[in-house]
Amino acid sequence: MELPTKTFRVTRADLVRYAGASGDFNPIHWSDRIATTVGLPGVIAHGMFTMALVGRAVAEWAGAADAVVDYGVRFTRPVVVPDDDEGTEIEVTAVVREVTDIGLTRIDITATCRGEKVLSQARATIRTPG
């Protein structure tokens, strides 16, 4: 069973706010000059910010944040955020892999940006809603 798609817009302003909240002011998250100098295609979103957005989708599917029992991902591609008012979008989809006898639902998650997977081995276990 497929879960409803969740879409999150990410702008440079979001990256600035996340940097302030997390304390991660690495210039690859705000300076195109530095990002391209180190071989990136441009400014990229913080990996943990990307993971948090996907985690928000998981919590919404679960019905509450405290219904998320386990959640993990591997980072495969950076989320490049252009310097404009539109930013970019992360699209999150998931399929139910298993519903256990003890009331847990295991889901496999796919997160993409501009058609490319940005996470791999993204999985979560939630308390079965309802």
C-alpha atoms as a PDB file:
ATOM      1  CA  MET A   1       0.000   0.000   0.000  1.00  0.00           C
ATOM      2  CA  GLU A   2       1.296   3.437  -0.946  1.00  0.00           C
ATOM      3  CA  LEU A   3       1.083   6.315   1.506  1.00  0.00           C
ATOM      4  CA  PRO A   4       0.115   9.851   0.379  1.00  0.00           C
ATOM      5  CA  THR A   5       2.970  11.828  -1.170  1.00  0.00           C
ATOM      6  CA  LYS A   6       4.377  14.678   0.932  1.00  0.00           C
ATOM      7  CA  THR A   7       6.192  17.596  -0.706  1.00  0.00           C
ATOM      8  CA  PHE A   8       8.461  20.080   1.067  1.00  0.00           C
ATOM      9  CA  ARG A   9       9.797  23.313  -0.456  1.00  0.00           C
ATOM     10  CA  VAL A  10      13.342  24.245   0.593  1.00  0.00           C
ATOM     11  CA  THR A  11      14.694  27.766   0.064  1.00  0.00           C
ATOM     12  CA  ARG A  12      17.936  29.484   0.995  1.00  0.00           C
ATOM     13  CA  ALA A  13      16.014  31.242   3.779  1.00  0.00           C
ATOM     14  CA  ASP A  14      15.166  27.809   5.220  1.00  0.00           C
ATOM     15  CA  LEU A  15      18.869  26.934   5.188  1.00  0.00           C
ATOM     16  CA  VAL A  16      19.719  30.130   7.078  1.00  0.00           C
ATOM     17  CA  ARG A  17      17.068  29.377   9.707  1.00  0.00           C
ATOM     18  CA  TYR A  18      18.269  25.788  10.036  1.00  0.00           C
ATOM     19  CA  ALA A  19      21.881  26.936  10.382  1.00  0.00           C
ATOM     20  CA  GLY A  20      20.855  29.250  13.209  1.00  0.00           C
ATOM     21  CA  ALA A  21      18.900  26.515  14.986  1.00  0.00           C
ATOM     22  CA  SER A  22      21.541  23.808  14.516  1.00  0.00           C
ATOM     23  CA  GLY A  23      24.704  25.873  14.788  1.00  0.00           C
ATOM     24  CA  ASP A  24      25.936  24.418  11.470  1.00  0.00           C
ATOM     25  CA  PHE A  25      27.217  27.441   9.575  1.00  0.00           C
ATOM     26  CA  ASN A  26      29.348  25.503   7.079  1.00  0.00           C
ATOM     27  CA  PRO A  27      29.583  27.796   4.024  1.00  0.00           C
ATOM     28  CA  ILE A  28      28.554  24.982   1.629  1.00  0.00           C
ATOM     29  CA  HIS A  29      25.053  25.690   2.949  1.00  0.00           C
ATOM     30  CA  TRP A  30      25.048  29.391   2.001  1.00  0.00           C
ATOM     31  CA  SER A  31      27.933  30.286  -0.346  1.00  0.00           C
ATOM     32  CA  ASP A  32      27.839  29.213  -4.000  1.00  0.00           C
ATOM     33  CA  ARG A  33      31.502  30.209  -4.314  1.00  0.00           C
ATOM     34  CA  ILE A  34      32.633  27.892  -1.508  1.00  0.00           C
ATOM     35  CA  ALA A  35      30.249  25.081  -2.501  1.00  0.00           C
ATOM     36  CA  THR A  36      31.502  25.001  -6.097  1.00  0.00           C
ATOM     37  CA  THR A  37      35.127  25.361  -4.980  1.00  0.00           C
ATOM     38  CA  VAL A  38      34.824  22.092  -3.049  1.00  0.00           C
ATOM     39  CA  GLY A  39      33.215  20.331  -6.015  1.00  0.00           C
ATOM     40  CA  LEU A  40      29.518  20.663  -5.237  1.00  0.00           C
ATOM     41  CA  PRO A  41      27.057  21.820  -7.907  1.00  0.00           C
ATOM     42  CA  GLY A  42      25.995  24.718  -5.673  1.00  0.00           C
ATOM     43  CA  VAL A  43      24.699  25.408  -2.185  1.00  0.00           C
ATOM     44  CA  ILE A  44      23.260  22.272  -0.615  1.00  0.00           C
ATOM     45  CA  ALA A  45      20.764  21.694   2.166  1.00  0.00           C
ATOM     46  CA  HIS A  46      22.054  20.313   5.440  1.00  0.00           C
ATOM     47  CA  GLY A  47      21.724  16.541   5.419  1.00  0.00           C
ATOM     48  CA  MET A  48      20.076  16.562   8.826  1.00  0.00           C
ATOM     49  CA  PHE A  49      17.569  19.178   7.597  1.00  0.00           C
ATOM     50  CA  THR A  50      16.664  16.895   4.699  1.00  0.00           C
ATOM     51  CA  MET A  51      16.334  13.978   7.112  1.00  0.00           C
ATOM     52  CA  ALA A  52      14.145  16.089   9.412  1.00  0.00           C
ATOM     53  CA  LEU A  53      11.766  16.994   6.575  1.00  0.00           C
ATOM     54  CA  VAL A  54      11.406  13.341   5.638  1.00  0.00           C
ATOM     55  CA  GLY A  55      10.923  12.573   9.333  1.00  0.00           C
ATOM     56  CA  ARG A  56       8.088  15.115   9.376  1.00  0.00           C
ATOM     57  CA  ALA A  57       6.402  13.114   6.602  1.00  0.00           C
ATOM     58  CA  VAL A  58       6.818   9.931   8.648  1.00  0.00           C
ATOM     59  CA  ALA A  59       5.279  11.592  11.711  1.00  0.00           C
ATOM     60  CA  GLU A  60       2.343  12.817   9.621  1.00  0.00           C
ATOM     61  CA  TRP A  61       1.764   9.311   8.251  1.00  0.00           C
ATOM     62  CA  ALA A  62       1.981   7.939  11.795  1.00  0.00           C
ATOM     63  CA  GLY A  63      -0.501  10.506  13.079  1.00  0.00           C
ATOM     64  CA  ALA A  64       1.857  11.854  15.772  1.00  0.00           C
ATOM     65  CA  ALA A  65       5.593  12.274  16.289  1.00  0.00           C
ATOM     66  CA  ASP A  66       5.587   9.954  19.315  1.00  0.00           C
ATOM     67  CA  ALA A  67       4.156   7.154  17.140  1.00  0.00           C
ATOM     68  CA  VAL A  68       7.483   6.917  15.268  1.00  0.00           C
ATOM     69  CA  VAL A  69       9.319   3.962  16.802  1.00  0.00           C
ATOM     70  CA  ASP A  70      12.357   3.845  14.513  1.00  0.00           C
ATOM     71  CA  TYR A  71      13.623   5.926  11.597  1.00  0.00           C
ATOM     72  CA  GLY A  72      16.859   5.807   9.628  1.00  0.00           C
ATOM     73  CA  VAL A  73      18.326   6.881   6.300  1.00  0.00           C
ATOM     74  CA  ARG A  74      21.552   7.023   4.332  1.00  0.00           C
ATOM     75  CA  PHE A  75      22.446  10.136   2.385  1.00  0.00           C
ATOM     76  CA  THR A  76      23.073   9.485  -1.308  1.00  0.00           C
ATOM     77  CA  ARG A  77      22.831  12.857  -3.100  1.00  0.00           C
ATOM     78  CA  PRO A  78      22.851  16.423  -1.887  1.00  0.00           C
ATOM     79  CA  VAL A  79      19.767  18.620  -2.188  1.00  0.00           C
ATOM     80  CA  VAL A  80      20.931  21.599  -4.257  1.00  0.00           C
ATOM     81  CA  VAL A  81      19.071  24.790  -3.334  1.00  0.00           C
ATOM     82  CA  PRO A  82      19.161  27.565  -5.953  1.00  0.00           C
ATOM     83  CA  ASP A  83      19.518  31.225  -5.001  1.00  0.00           C
ATOM     84  CA  ASP A  84      16.012  32.316  -5.956  1.00  0.00           C
ATOM     85  CA  ASP A  85      12.618  32.707  -4.322  1.00  0.00           C
ATOM     86  CA  GLU A  86      11.415  29.276  -5.473  1.00  0.00           C
ATOM     87  CA  GLY A  87      14.141  27.072  -4.019  1.00  0.00           C
ATOM     88  CA  THR A  88      13.606  23.389  -4.656  1.00  0.00           C
ATOM     89  CA  GLU A  89      11.268  20.622  -3.576  1.00  0.00           C
ATOM     90  CA  ILE A  90      11.786  17.349  -1.818  1.00  0.00           C
ATOM     91  CA  GLU A  91       9.115  14.789  -2.638  1.00  0.00           C
ATOM     92  CA  VAL A  92       8.598  11.991  -0.135  1.00  0.00           C
ATOM     93  CA  THR A  93       6.742   8.783  -0.898  1.00  0.00           C
ATOM     94  CA  ALA A  94       6.469   5.535   0.998  1.00  0.00           C
ATOM     95  CA  VAL A  95       5.053   2.061   0.795  1.00  0.00           C
ATOM     96  CA  VAL A  96       3.980  -0.175   3.630  1.00  0.00           C
ATOM     97  CA  ARG A  97       6.340  -3.107   3.759  1.00  0.00           C
ATOM     98  CA  GLU A  98       4.811  -4.960   6.709  1.00  0.00           C
ATOM     99  CA  VAL A  99       2.175  -4.674   9.408  1.00  0.00           C
ATOM    100  CA  THR A 100       3.068  -6.810  12.403  1.00  0.00           C
ATOM    101  CA  ASP A 101       0.851  -8.667  14.845  1.00  0.00           C
ATOM    102  CA  ILE A 102       2.034  -6.351  17.635  1.00  0.00           C
ATOM    103  CA  GLY A 103       0.712  -3.172  16.023  1.00  0.00           C
ATOM    104  CA  LEU A 104       3.760  -1.891  14.163  1.00  0.00           C
ATOM    105  CA  THR A 105       3.917  -0.781  10.541  1.00  0.00           C
ATOM    106  CA  ARG A 106       7.234  -0.867   8.694  1.00  0.00           C
ATOM    107  CA  ILE A 107       7.546   1.478   5.736  1.00  0.00           C
ATOM    108  CA  ASP A 108      10.098   1.963   2.968  1.00  0.00           C
ATOM    109  CA  ILE A 109      10.582   5.618   2.075  1.00  0.00           C
ATOM    110  CA  THR A 110      11.734   7.323  -1.108  1.00  0.00           C
ATOM    111  CA  ALA A 111      12.869  10.958  -1.063  1.00  0.00           C
ATOM    112  CA  THR A 112      13.629  12.684  -4.351  1.00  0.00           C
ATOM    113  CA  CYS A 113      14.674  16.130  -5.489  1.00  0.00           C
ATOM    114  CA  ARG A 114      14.372  16.996  -9.164  1.00  0.00           C
ATOM    115  CA  GLY A 115      13.716  13.351  -9.962  1.00  0.00           C
ATOM    116  CA  GLU A 116      16.830  11.997  -8.228  1.00  0.00           C
ATOM    117  CA  LYS A 117      16.864   9.955  -5.032  1.00  0.00           C
ATOM    118  CA  VAL A 118      18.545  11.897  -2.236  1.00  0.00           C
ATOM    119  CA  LEU A 119      18.281   9.184   0.420  1.00  0.00           C
ATOM    120  CA  SER A 120      18.753   5.441   0.358  1.00  0.00           C
ATOM    121  CA  GLN A 121      17.825   2.733   2.818  1.00  0.00           C
ATOM    122  CA  ALA A 122      15.207   5.118   4.201  1.00  0.00           C
ATOM    123  CA  ARG A 123      12.934   3.143   6.481  1.00  0.00           C
ATOM    124  CA  ALA A 124      10.714   3.733   9.455  1.00  0.00           C
ATOM    125  CA  THR A 125       8.669   1.772  11.941  1.00  0.00           C
ATOM    126  CA  ILE A 126       5.543   3.414  13.288  1.00  0.00           C
ATOM    127  CA  ARG A 127       2.804   2.349  15.640  1.00  0.00           C
ATOM    128  CA  THR A 128      -0.006   1.263  13.342  1.00  0.00           C
ATOM    129  CA  PRO A 129      -2.445   4.170  13.016  1.00  0.00           C
ATOM    130  CA  GLY A 130      -6.077   3.606  13.943  1.00  0.00           C
END
